[in-house]
């Protein structure tokens, strides 16, 4: 019982107790710190990829543009033709290395893609690095007598700077009569934008038709005899319509270019909209009702 009255013993006991309490508190603090770090870093991988301004922008761009290669209605089927699939920001194209032109170019034009701030001014025509030589170059068109005719037009790509630049690739071009390019072909492009605004969205596939062998330039870019365009609307009761233009000068009423999609398929050997149910595909591709599309004779 004497140690109770010894001051030195009490001092040693207090110091020992303080050291034990300090060590326990320190251990607890470290554990809490580790838990906080683990809680902060334990983020699902999906959330981590979406964090940060660049990732957020990428996610938004993907949502706005969509994965064009996965939209089966855009995929046409051309048998017996050289084919290289190219997926761009605003369109997909089947490129033919033999003609240096696309077999077909397809895109889904939505109402919010019919206008935008990204104009063609300052955007240059340019080669496509993803296709082999020989390929179309600017020099091939110079003094050829033909325009560098867009398949997917600049006016359908004002919604994105990258889309606008992509549509000036030569893999989206064909030698086209200037009068056709600036006239009736351009008129149809404008009609397509009006249809997209009215219906919400439409599918468009277009390309060249070759019969004779004529080329321009050192790279022998094939000159089409004509051009086709087929349009599909899935809003409400599905409907489709086709058009064919000779690659020549002259202006005519739009109704004179109207054909059924079936007729365009026979002309080109290309099968369009194959992912539609068979009964729907058969019905819409057999029709060529100009009035249904607001085209007057």
C-alpha atoms as a PDB file:
ATOM      1  CA  UNK A   1       0.000   0.000   0.000  1.00  0.00           C
ATOM      2  CA  UNK A   2       3.028   2.293   0.265  1.00  0.00           C
ATOM      3  CA  UNK A   3       3.279   2.875  -3.505  1.00  0.00           C
ATOM      4  CA  UNK A   4      -0.011   4.800  -3.404  1.00  0.00           C
ATOM      5  CA  UNK A   5       1.773   7.511  -1.468  1.00  0.00           C
ATOM      6  CA  UNK A   6       4.975   7.536  -3.593  1.00  0.00           C
ATOM      7  CA  UNK A   7       4.832  10.544  -6.012  1.00  0.00           C
ATOM      8  CA  UNK A   8       7.397   9.020  -8.376  1.00  0.00           C
ATOM      9  CA  UNK A   9       5.254   5.972  -8.954  1.00  0.00           C
ATOM     10  CA  UNK A  10       2.271   8.167  -9.756  1.00  0.00           C
ATOM     11  CA  UNK A  11       4.276  10.230 -12.242  1.00  0.00           C
ATOM     12  CA  UNK A  12       5.529   7.105 -13.993  1.00  0.00           C
ATOM     13  CA  UNK A  13       1.991   5.697 -14.154  1.00  0.00           C
ATOM     14  CA  UNK A  14       0.618   8.906 -15.658  1.00  0.00           C
ATOM     15  CA  UNK A  15       3.414   9.055 -18.280  1.00  0.00           C
ATOM     16  CA  UNK A  16       2.861   5.395 -19.206  1.00  0.00           C
ATOM     17  CA  UNK A  17      -0.907   5.928 -19.525  1.00  0.00           C
ATOM     18  CA  UNK A  18      -0.345   9.005 -21.708  1.00  0.00           C
ATOM     19  CA  UNK A  19       1.989   7.096 -24.046  1.00  0.00           C
ATOM     20  CA  UNK A  20      -0.518   4.259 -24.420  1.00  0.00           C
ATOM     21  CA  UNK A  21      -3.350   6.730 -25.142  1.00  0.00           C
ATOM     22  CA  UNK A  22      -1.206   8.593 -27.684  1.00  0.00           C
ATOM     23  CA  UNK A  23      -0.319   5.384 -29.553  1.00  0.00           C
ATOM     24  CA  UNK A  24      -3.957   4.233 -29.618  1.00  0.00           C
ATOM     25  CA  UNK A  25      -5.091   7.633 -30.922  1.00  0.00           C
ATOM     26  CA  UNK A  26      -2.402   7.674 -33.590  1.00  0.00           C
ATOM     27  CA  UNK A  27      -3.334   4.179 -34.794  1.00  0.00           C
ATOM     28  CA  UNK A  28      -6.994   5.173 -34.993  1.00  0.00           C
ATOM     29  CA  UNK A  29      -6.122   8.313 -36.965  1.00  0.00           C
ATOM     30  CA  UNK A  30      -4.049   6.353 -39.456  1.00  0.00           C
ATOM     31  CA  UNK A  31      -6.854   3.835 -39.941  1.00  0.00           C
ATOM     32  CA  UNK A  32      -9.399   6.619 -40.481  1.00  0.00           C
ATOM     33  CA  UNK A  33      -7.048   8.287 -42.968  1.00  0.00           C
ATOM     34  CA  UNK A  34      -6.642   5.073 -44.908  1.00  0.00           C
ATOM     35  CA  UNK A  35     -10.389   4.569 -44.990  1.00  0.00           C
ATOM     36  CA  UNK A  36     -10.869   8.106 -46.297  1.00  0.00           C
ATOM     37  CA  UNK A  37      -8.317   7.530 -49.053  1.00  0.00           C
ATOM     38  CA  UNK A  38      -9.893   4.208 -49.968  1.00  0.00           C
ATOM     39  CA  UNK A  39     -13.327   5.789 -50.061  1.00  0.00           C
ATOM     40  CA  UNK A  40     -12.053   8.580 -52.300  1.00  0.00           C
ATOM     41  CA  UNK A  41     -10.276   6.262 -54.738  1.00  0.00           C
ATOM     42  CA  UNK A  42     -12.829   3.468 -54.714  1.00  0.00           C
ATOM     43  CA  UNK A  43     -14.727   4.815 -57.757  1.00  0.00           C
ATOM     44  CA  UNK A  44     -16.233   2.421 -60.281  1.00  0.00           C
ATOM     45  CA  UNK A  45     -14.274   2.372 -63.566  1.00  0.00           C
ATOM     46  CA  UNK A  46     -17.274   3.734 -65.448  1.00  0.00           C
ATOM     47  CA  UNK A  47     -17.389   6.800 -63.217  1.00  0.00           C
ATOM     48  CA  UNK A  48     -13.624   7.348 -63.452  1.00  0.00           C
ATOM     49  CA  UNK A  49     -13.745   7.417 -67.247  1.00  0.00           C
ATOM     50  CA  UNK A  50     -16.443  10.076 -67.127  1.00  0.00           C
ATOM     51  CA  UNK A  51     -14.649  12.328 -64.670  1.00  0.00           C
ATOM     52  CA  UNK A  52     -12.755  15.384 -65.868  1.00  0.00           C
ATOM     53  CA  UNK A  53     -13.619  17.889 -68.571  1.00  0.00           C
ATOM     54  CA  UNK A  54     -12.049  15.985 -71.483  1.00  0.00           C
ATOM     55  CA  UNK A  55     -13.768  12.722 -70.621  1.00  0.00           C
ATOM     56  CA  UNK A  56     -17.070  14.537 -70.178  1.00  0.00           C
ATOM     57  CA  UNK A  57     -16.674  16.159 -73.586  1.00  0.00           C
ATOM     58  CA  UNK A  58     -15.875  12.801 -75.159  1.00  0.00           C
ATOM     59  CA  UNK A  59     -18.915  11.185 -73.598  1.00  0.00           C
ATOM     60  CA  UNK A  60     -21.134  14.018 -74.791  1.00  0.00           C
ATOM     61  CA  UNK A  61     -19.679  13.844 -78.321  1.00  0.00           C
ATOM     62  CA  UNK A  62     -20.267  10.099 -78.457  1.00  0.00           C
ATOM     63  CA  UNK A  63     -23.861  10.578 -77.329  1.00  0.00           C
ATOM     64  CA  UNK A  64     -24.506  13.308 -79.879  1.00  0.00           C
ATOM     65  CA  UNK A  65     -22.912  11.581 -82.840  1.00  0.00           C
ATOM     66  CA  UNK A  66     -23.721   7.989 -82.065  1.00  0.00           C
ATOM     67  CA  UNK A  67     -21.907   4.937 -83.426  1.00  0.00           C
ATOM     68  CA  UNK A  68     -22.689   5.089 -87.138  1.00  0.00           C
ATOM     69  CA  UNK A  69     -21.111   1.725 -87.844  1.00  0.00           C
ATOM     70  CA  UNK A  70     -23.645   0.013 -85.575  1.00  0.00           C
ATOM     71  CA  UNK A  71     -26.691   1.490 -87.360  1.00  0.00           C
ATOM     72  CA  UNK A  72     -27.646  -1.355 -89.672  1.00  0.00           C
ATOM     73  CA  UNK A  73     -29.961   0.824 -91.780  1.00  0.00           C
ATOM     74  CA  UNK A  74     -26.878   2.669 -93.034  1.00  0.00           C
ATOM     75  CA  UNK A  75     -25.182  -0.491 -94.268  1.00  0.00           C
ATOM     76  CA  UNK A  76     -25.748  -1.083 -97.996  1.00  0.00           C
ATOM     77  CA  UNK A  77     -24.496  -4.235 -99.711  1.00  0.00           C
ATOM     78  CA  UNK A  78     -22.618  -4.046-103.008  1.00  0.00           C
ATOM     79  CA  UNK A  79     -21.661  -7.388-104.520  1.00  0.00           C
ATOM     80  CA  UNK A  80     -18.570  -7.758-106.670  1.00  0.00           C
ATOM     81  CA  UNK A  81     -17.169  -4.274-106.005  1.00  0.00           C
ATOM     82  CA  UNK A  82     -13.913  -3.279-104.345  1.00  0.00           C
ATOM     83  CA  UNK A  83     -14.894  -2.196-100.855  1.00  0.00           C
ATOM     84  CA  UNK A  84     -13.224  -0.452 -97.913  1.00  0.00           C
ATOM     85  CA  UNK A  85     -15.476   0.717 -95.095  1.00  0.00           C
ATOM     86  CA  UNK A  86     -14.688   4.166 -93.738  1.00  0.00           C
ATOM     87  CA  UNK A  87     -16.511   5.493 -90.672  1.00  0.00           C
ATOM     88  CA  UNK A  88     -16.478   9.267 -90.314  1.00  0.00           C
ATOM     89  CA  UNK A  89     -18.004  11.675 -87.816  1.00  0.00           C
ATOM     90  CA  UNK A  90     -21.165  12.301 -89.815  1.00  0.00           C
ATOM     91  CA  UNK A  91     -21.324   9.473 -92.347  1.00  0.00           C
ATOM     92  CA  UNK A  92     -20.064   6.047 -93.400  1.00  0.00           C
ATOM     93  CA  UNK A  93     -18.804   5.230 -96.861  1.00  0.00           C
ATOM     94  CA  UNK A  94     -17.882   2.188 -98.901  1.00  0.00           C
ATOM     95  CA  UNK A  95     -14.742   3.265-100.782  1.00  0.00           C
ATOM     96  CA  UNK A  96     -13.730   1.691-104.088  1.00  0.00           C
ATOM     97  CA  UNK A  97      -9.965   1.752-104.747  1.00  0.00           C
ATOM     98  CA  UNK A  98     -10.538   0.888-108.412  1.00  0.00           C
ATOM     99  CA  UNK A  99     -12.680   3.942-109.199  1.00  0.00           C
ATOM    100  CA  UNK A 100     -11.104   6.217-106.493  1.00  0.00           C
ATOM    101  CA  UNK A 101     -14.724   7.047-105.606  1.00  0.00           C
ATOM    102  CA  UNK A 102     -17.212   5.759-103.043  1.00  0.00           C
ATOM    103  CA  UNK A 103     -19.550   2.901-103.957  1.00  0.00           C
ATOM    104  CA  UNK A 104     -21.998   4.497-101.576  1.00  0.00           C
ATOM    105  CA  UNK A 105     -22.093   7.019 -98.751  1.00  0.00           C
ATOM    106  CA  UNK A 106     -24.730   6.855 -96.016  1.00  0.00           C
ATOM    107  CA  UNK A 107     -25.806   8.952 -93.070  1.00  0.00           C
ATOM    108  CA  UNK A 108     -28.755   9.608 -90.776  1.00  0.00           C
ATOM    109  CA  UNK A 109     -29.778  13.229 -91.028  1.00  0.00           C
ATOM    110  CA  UNK A 110     -31.575  14.463 -87.919  1.00  0.00           C
ATOM    111  CA  UNK A 111     -33.460  17.719 -87.499  1.00  0.00           C
ATOM    112  CA  UNK A 112     -30.762  19.148 -85.215  1.00  0.00           C
ATOM    113  CA  UNK A 113     -28.065  18.358 -87.799  1.00  0.00           C
ATOM    114  CA  UNK A 114     -29.686  20.438 -90.545  1.00  0.00           C
ATOM    115  CA  UNK A 115     -28.005  23.616 -89.335  1.00  0.00           C
ATOM    116  CA  UNK A 116     -25.168  24.757 -87.120  1.00  0.00           C
ATOM    117  CA  UNK A 117     -22.293  27.192 -86.668  1.00  0.00           C
ATOM    118  CA  UNK A 118     -19.604  25.215 -88.515  1.00  0.00           C
ATOM    119  CA  UNK A 119     -19.640  26.476 -92.109  1.00  0.00           C
ATOM    120  CA  UNK A 120     -17.491  25.297 -95.003  1.00  0.00           C
ATOM    121  CA  UNK A 121     -15.518  28.545 -95.185  1.00  0.00           C
ATOM    122  CA  UNK A 122     -11.849  27.845 -94.546  1.00  0.00           C
ATOM    123  CA  UNK A 123     -12.211  24.058 -94.884  1.00  0.00           C
ATOM    124  CA  UNK A 124     -10.086  22.631 -97.704  1.00  0.00           C
ATOM    125  CA  UNK A 125     -10.569  19.520 -99.801  1.00  0.00           C
ATOM    126  CA  UNK A 126      -7.998  16.975 -98.682  1.00  0.00           C
ATOM    127  CA  UNK A 127      -6.704  13.472 -99.312  1.00  0.00           C
ATOM    128  CA  UNK A 128      -7.774  10.527 -97.195  1.00  0.00           C
ATOM    129  CA  UNK A 129      -4.807   8.978 -95.393  1.00  0.00           C
ATOM    130  CA  UNK A 130      -6.728   5.775 -94.727  1.00  0.00           C
ATOM    131  CA  UNK A 131      -6.890   4.628 -98.359  1.00  0.00           C
ATOM    132  CA  UNK A 132      -4.033   3.352-100.543  1.00  0.00           C
ATOM    133  CA  UNK A 133      -2.389   5.004-103.541  1.00  0.00           C
ATOM    134  CA  UNK A 134      -3.321   5.748-106.225  1.00  0.00           C
ATOM    135  CA  UNK A 135      -6.134   7.868-104.834  1.00  0.00           C
ATOM    136  CA  UNK A 136      -7.909  11.102-105.684  1.00  0.00           C
ATOM    137  CA  UNK A 137      -5.982  14.308-105.150  1.00  0.00           C
ATOM    138  CA  UNK A 138      -6.755  17.937-105.759  1.00  0.00           C
ATOM    139  CA  UNK A 139      -4.617  18.008-108.910  1.00  0.00           C
ATOM    140  CA  UNK A 140      -6.822  15.355-110.523  1.00  0.00           C
ATOM    141  CA  UNK A 141      -9.758  17.745-110.572  1.00  0.00           C
ATOM    142  CA  UNK A 142      -7.884  20.839-111.728  1.00  0.00           C
ATOM    143  CA  UNK A 143      -8.843  21.835-115.297  1.00  0.00           C
ATOM    144  CA  UNK A 144     -10.834  18.594-115.599  1.00  0.00           C
ATOM    145  CA  UNK A 145     -14.146  20.287-116.303  1.00  0.00           C
ATOM    146  CA  UNK A 146     -15.717  18.605-113.249  1.00  0.00           C
ATOM    147  CA  UNK A 147     -16.557  19.767-109.742  1.00  0.00           C
ATOM    148  CA  UNK A 148     -15.431  17.948-106.624  1.00  0.00           C
ATOM    149  CA  UNK A 149     -18.962  16.782-105.939  1.00  0.00           C
ATOM    150  CA  UNK A 150     -19.878  15.931-102.334  1.00  0.00           C
ATOM    151  CA  UNK A 151     -21.835  12.780-101.657  1.00  0.00           C
ATOM    152  CA  UNK A 152     -22.541  13.655 -98.005  1.00  0.00           C
ATOM    153  CA  UNK A 153     -22.910  17.443 -98.349  1.00  0.00           C
ATOM    154  CA  UNK A 154     -21.335  20.227 -96.357  1.00  0.00           C
ATOM    155  CA  UNK A 155     -24.813  21.528 -95.521  1.00  0.00           C
ATOM    156  CA  UNK A 156     -25.576  18.342 -93.545  1.00  0.00           C
ATOM    157  CA  UNK A 157     -22.426  18.710 -91.421  1.00  0.00           C
ATOM    158  CA  UNK A 158     -22.649  22.203 -89.943  1.00  0.00           C
ATOM    159  CA  UNK A 159     -23.344  20.700 -86.509  1.00  0.00           C
ATOM    160  CA  UNK A 160     -19.688  19.687 -85.926  1.00  0.00           C
ATOM    161  CA  UNK A 161     -16.318  21.082 -86.972  1.00  0.00           C
ATOM    162  CA  UNK A 162     -14.916  17.568 -87.324  1.00  0.00           C
ATOM    163  CA  UNK A 163     -17.923  16.436 -89.356  1.00  0.00           C
ATOM    164  CA  UNK A 164     -17.470  19.443 -91.642  1.00  0.00           C
ATOM    165  CA  UNK A 165     -13.797  18.635 -92.181  1.00  0.00           C
ATOM    166  CA  UNK A 166     -14.514  14.934 -92.766  1.00  0.00           C
ATOM    167  CA  UNK A 167     -16.983  15.657 -95.539  1.00  0.00           C
ATOM    168  CA  UNK A 168     -14.220  17.404 -97.537  1.00  0.00           C
ATOM    169  CA  UNK A 169     -12.192  14.199 -97.823  1.00  0.00           C
ATOM    170  CA  UNK A 170     -11.769  13.062-101.428  1.00  0.00           C
ATOM    171  CA  UNK A 171     -13.226   9.683-100.452  1.00  0.00           C
ATOM    172  CA  UNK A 172     -16.532  11.572-100.132  1.00  0.00           C
ATOM    173  CA  UNK A 173     -16.176  13.108-103.623  1.00  0.00           C
ATOM    174  CA  UNK A 174     -16.915  12.217-107.223  1.00  0.00           C
ATOM    175  CA  UNK A 175     -16.276  14.145-110.443  1.00  0.00           C
ATOM    176  CA  UNK A 176     -19.602  15.905-111.013  1.00  0.00           C
ATOM    177  CA  UNK A 177     -20.982  18.282-113.591  1.00  0.00           C
ATOM    178  CA  UNK A 178     -20.846  21.820-112.221  1.00  0.00           C
ATOM    179  CA  UNK A 179     -24.373  22.531-113.406  1.00  0.00           C
ATOM    180  CA  UNK A 180     -25.686  19.418-111.672  1.00  0.00           C
ATOM    181  CA  UNK A 181     -23.655  20.024-108.516  1.00  0.00           C
ATOM    182  CA  UNK A 182     -24.895  23.593-108.088  1.00  0.00           C
ATOM    183  CA  UNK A 183     -28.348  22.916-109.508  1.00  0.00           C
ATOM    184  CA  UNK A 184     -30.676  19.936-109.248  1.00  0.00           C
ATOM    185  CA  UNK A 185     -28.356  17.862-107.012  1.00  0.00           C
ATOM    186  CA  UNK A 186     -28.120  20.791-104.612  1.00  0.00           C
ATOM    187  CA  UNK A 187     -31.907  21.214-104.741  1.00  0.00           C
ATOM    188  CA  UNK A 188     -32.354  17.620-103.585  1.00  0.00           C
ATOM    189  CA  UNK A 189     -29.872  18.144-100.751  1.00  0.00           C
ATOM    190  CA  UNK A 190     -31.957  21.076 -99.540  1.00  0.00           C
ATOM    191  CA  UNK A 191     -35.153  19.026 -99.801  1.00  0.00           C
ATOM    192  CA  UNK A 192     -33.559  16.314 -97.667  1.00  0.00           C
ATOM    193  CA  UNK A 193     -32.835  18.869 -94.945  1.00  0.00           C
ATOM    194  CA  UNK A 194     -36.450  20.016 -95.028  1.00  0.00           C
ATOM    195  CA  UNK A 195     -37.655  16.410 -94.776  1.00  0.00           C
ATOM    196  CA  UNK A 196     -35.355  15.818 -91.791  1.00  0.00           C
ATOM    197  CA  UNK A 197     -36.691  18.947 -90.085  1.00  0.00           C
ATOM    198  CA  UNK A 198     -40.284  17.872 -90.687  1.00  0.00           C
ATOM    199  CA  UNK A 199     -39.925  14.171 -89.849  1.00  0.00           C
ATOM    200  CA  UNK A 200     -37.248  14.355 -87.154  1.00  0.00           C
ATOM    201  CA  UNK A 201     -34.756  12.203 -89.049  1.00  0.00           C
ATOM    202  CA  UNK A 202     -34.226  10.428 -92.365  1.00  0.00           C
ATOM    203  CA  UNK A 203     -31.714   7.939 -93.741  1.00  0.00           C
ATOM    204  CA  UNK A 204     -29.837   8.882 -96.921  1.00  0.00           C
ATOM    205  CA  UNK A 205     -27.633   6.746 -99.154  1.00  0.00           C
ATOM    206  CA  UNK A 206     -26.111   8.075-102.365  1.00  0.00           C
ATOM    207  CA  UNK A 207     -23.316   7.372-104.804  1.00  0.00           C
ATOM    208  CA  UNK A 208     -22.138   7.170-108.396  1.00  0.00           C
ATOM    209  CA  UNK A 209     -23.274   5.004-111.294  1.00  0.00           C
ATOM    210  CA  UNK A 210     -20.641   3.872-113.815  1.00  0.00           C
ATOM    211  CA  UNK A 211     -21.290   2.551-117.311  1.00  0.00           C
ATOM    212  CA  UNK A 212     -18.467   3.860-119.475  1.00  0.00           C
ATOM    213  CA  UNK A 213     -14.802   4.042-118.579  1.00  0.00           C
ATOM    214  CA  UNK A 214     -13.750   7.677-118.358  1.00  0.00           C
ATOM    215  CA  UNK A 215     -11.199   9.072-115.923  1.00  0.00           C
ATOM    216  CA  UNK A 216      -9.594  12.360-114.945  1.00  0.00           C
ATOM    217  CA  UNK A 217      -6.144  13.222-113.632  1.00  0.00           C
ATOM    218  CA  UNK A 218      -2.914  11.355-113.135  1.00  0.00           C
ATOM    219  CA  UNK A 219      -4.597   9.075-110.582  1.00  0.00           C
ATOM    220  CA  UNK A 220      -7.330   8.143-113.051  1.00  0.00           C
ATOM    221  CA  UNK A 221     -10.333   9.062-110.942  1.00  0.00           C
ATOM    222  CA  UNK A 222     -13.390   7.497-112.583  1.00  0.00           C
ATOM    223  CA  UNK A 223     -16.059   9.849-113.917  1.00  0.00           C
ATOM    224  CA  UNK A 224     -19.609   8.675-113.095  1.00  0.00           C
ATOM    225  CA  UNK A 225     -22.282   8.520-115.785  1.00  0.00           C
ATOM    226  CA  UNK A 226     -24.823   9.430-113.141  1.00  0.00           C
ATOM    227  CA  UNK A 227     -25.692   9.605-109.456  1.00  0.00           C
ATOM    228  CA  UNK A 228     -28.352   7.999-107.293  1.00  0.00           C
ATOM    229  CA  UNK A 229     -29.837   8.903-103.941  1.00  0.00           C
ATOM    230  CA  UNK A 230     -32.274   6.868-101.846  1.00  0.00           C
ATOM    231  CA  UNK A 231     -34.087   8.256 -98.802  1.00  0.00           C
ATOM    232  CA  UNK A 232     -35.849   6.349 -96.012  1.00  0.00           C
ATOM    233  CA  UNK A 233     -38.130   7.823 -93.354  1.00  0.00           C
ATOM    234  CA  UNK A 234     -38.997   5.642 -90.347  1.00  0.00           C
ATOM    235  CA  UNK A 235     -41.244   8.186 -88.660  1.00  0.00           C
ATOM    236  CA  UNK A 236     -44.805   6.853 -88.463  1.00  0.00           C
ATOM    237  CA  UNK A 237     -45.551   4.645 -91.450  1.00  0.00           C
ATOM    238  CA  UNK A 238     -42.153   3.940 -93.067  1.00  0.00           C
ATOM    239  CA  UNK A 239     -41.652   5.243 -96.588  1.00  0.00           C
ATOM    240  CA  UNK A 240     -38.807   5.499 -99.078  1.00  0.00           C
ATOM    241  CA  UNK A 241     -38.011   7.125-102.398  1.00  0.00           C
ATOM    242  CA  UNK A 242     -35.187   7.023-104.929  1.00  0.00           C
ATOM    243  CA  UNK A 243     -33.635   9.472-107.393  1.00  0.00           C
ATOM    244  CA  UNK A 244     -31.311   9.167-110.371  1.00  0.00           C
ATOM    245  CA  UNK A 245     -29.455  12.045-112.098  1.00  0.00           C
ATOM    246  CA  UNK A 246     -27.375  11.867-115.267  1.00  0.00           C
ATOM    247  CA  UNK A 247     -23.992  13.504-114.748  1.00  0.00           C
ATOM    248  CA  UNK A 248     -24.621  16.331-117.189  1.00  0.00           C
ATOM    249  CA  UNK A 249     -25.722  19.926-117.421  1.00  0.00           C
ATOM    250  CA  UNK A 250     -29.371  20.929-117.475  1.00  0.00           C
ATOM    251  CA  UNK A 251     -32.232  21.693-115.129  1.00  0.00           C
ATOM    252  CA  UNK A 252     -35.411  19.631-114.870  1.00  0.00           C
ATOM    253  CA  UNK A 253     -38.339  19.295-112.467  1.00  0.00           C
ATOM    254  CA  UNK A 254     -37.470  17.167-109.427  1.00  0.00           C
ATOM    255  CA  UNK A 255     -40.279  14.721-110.242  1.00  0.00           C
ATOM    256  CA  UNK A 256     -38.437  13.613-113.409  1.00  0.00           C
ATOM    257  CA  UNK A 257     -35.619  12.177-111.291  1.00  0.00           C
ATOM    258  CA  UNK A 258     -37.905  10.073-109.057  1.00  0.00           C
ATOM    259  CA  UNK A 259     -37.574   6.278-109.054  1.00  0.00           C
ATOM    260  CA  UNK A 260     -38.429   3.509-106.641  1.00  0.00           C
ATOM    261  CA  UNK A 261     -35.641   2.157-104.444  1.00  0.00           C
ATOM    262  CA  UNK A 262     -36.106  -1.171-106.232  1.00  0.00           C
ATOM    263  CA  UNK A 263     -35.308   0.539-109.545  1.00  0.00           C
ATOM    264  CA  UNK A 264     -32.164   2.133-108.060  1.00  0.00           C
ATOM    265  CA  UNK A 265     -31.086  -1.277-106.732  1.00  0.00           C
ATOM    266  CA  UNK A 266     -31.464  -2.805-110.198  1.00  0.00           C
ATOM    267  CA  UNK A 267     -29.512   0.092-111.702  1.00  0.00           C
ATOM    268  CA  UNK A 268     -26.627  -0.091-109.219  1.00  0.00           C
ATOM    269  CA  UNK A 269     -26.539  -3.696-108.040  1.00  0.00           C
ATOM    270  CA  UNK A 270     -26.555  -2.387-104.457  1.00  0.00           C
ATOM    271  CA  UNK A 271     -29.028  -3.631-101.837  1.00  0.00           C
ATOM    272  CA  UNK A 272     -30.295  -0.902 -99.485  1.00  0.00           C
ATOM    273  CA  UNK A 273     -32.019  -1.005 -96.077  1.00  0.00           C
ATOM    274  CA  UNK A 274     -31.590  -4.758 -95.721  1.00  0.00           C
ATOM    275  CA  UNK A 275     -32.168  -4.703 -91.963  1.00  0.00           C
ATOM    276  CA  UNK A 276     -35.806  -3.696 -92.387  1.00  0.00           C
ATOM    277  CA  UNK A 277     -38.378  -6.456 -91.839  1.00  0.00           C
ATOM    278  CA  UNK A 278     -38.890  -8.183 -95.185  1.00  0.00           C
ATOM    279  CA  UNK A 279     -42.501  -7.056 -95.577  1.00  0.00           C
ATOM    280  CA  UNK A 280     -41.626  -3.430 -94.793  1.00  0.00           C
ATOM    281  CA  UNK A 281     -38.595  -3.447 -97.088  1.00  0.00           C
ATOM    282  CA  UNK A 282     -40.625  -4.920 -99.935  1.00  0.00           C
ATOM    283  CA  UNK A 283     -43.404  -2.355 -99.539  1.00  0.00           C
ATOM    284  CA  UNK A 284     -41.343   0.823 -99.175  1.00  0.00           C
ATOM    285  CA  UNK A 285     -38.801  -0.056-101.857  1.00  0.00           C
ATOM    286  CA  UNK A 286     -41.483  -0.754-104.449  1.00  0.00           C
ATOM    287  CA  UNK A 287     -43.075   2.699-104.041  1.00  0.00           C
ATOM    288  CA  UNK A 288     -42.108   5.905-105.814  1.00  0.00           C
ATOM    289  CA  UNK A 289     -44.814   8.299-104.652  1.00  0.00           C
ATOM    290  CA  UNK A 290     -43.502  11.806-105.306  1.00  0.00           C
ATOM    291  CA  UNK A 291     -46.592  13.446-103.804  1.00  0.00           C
ATOM    292  CA  UNK A 292     -46.071  11.585-100.541  1.00  0.00           C
ATOM    293  CA  UNK A 293     -42.779  13.478-100.280  1.00  0.00           C
ATOM    294  CA  UNK A 294     -44.221  16.799-101.368  1.00  0.00           C
ATOM    295  CA  UNK A 295     -42.673  16.709-104.839  1.00  0.00           C
ATOM    296  CA  UNK A 296     -44.892  18.296-107.434  1.00  0.00           C
ATOM    297  CA  UNK A 297     -44.843  17.392-111.106  1.00  0.00           C
END
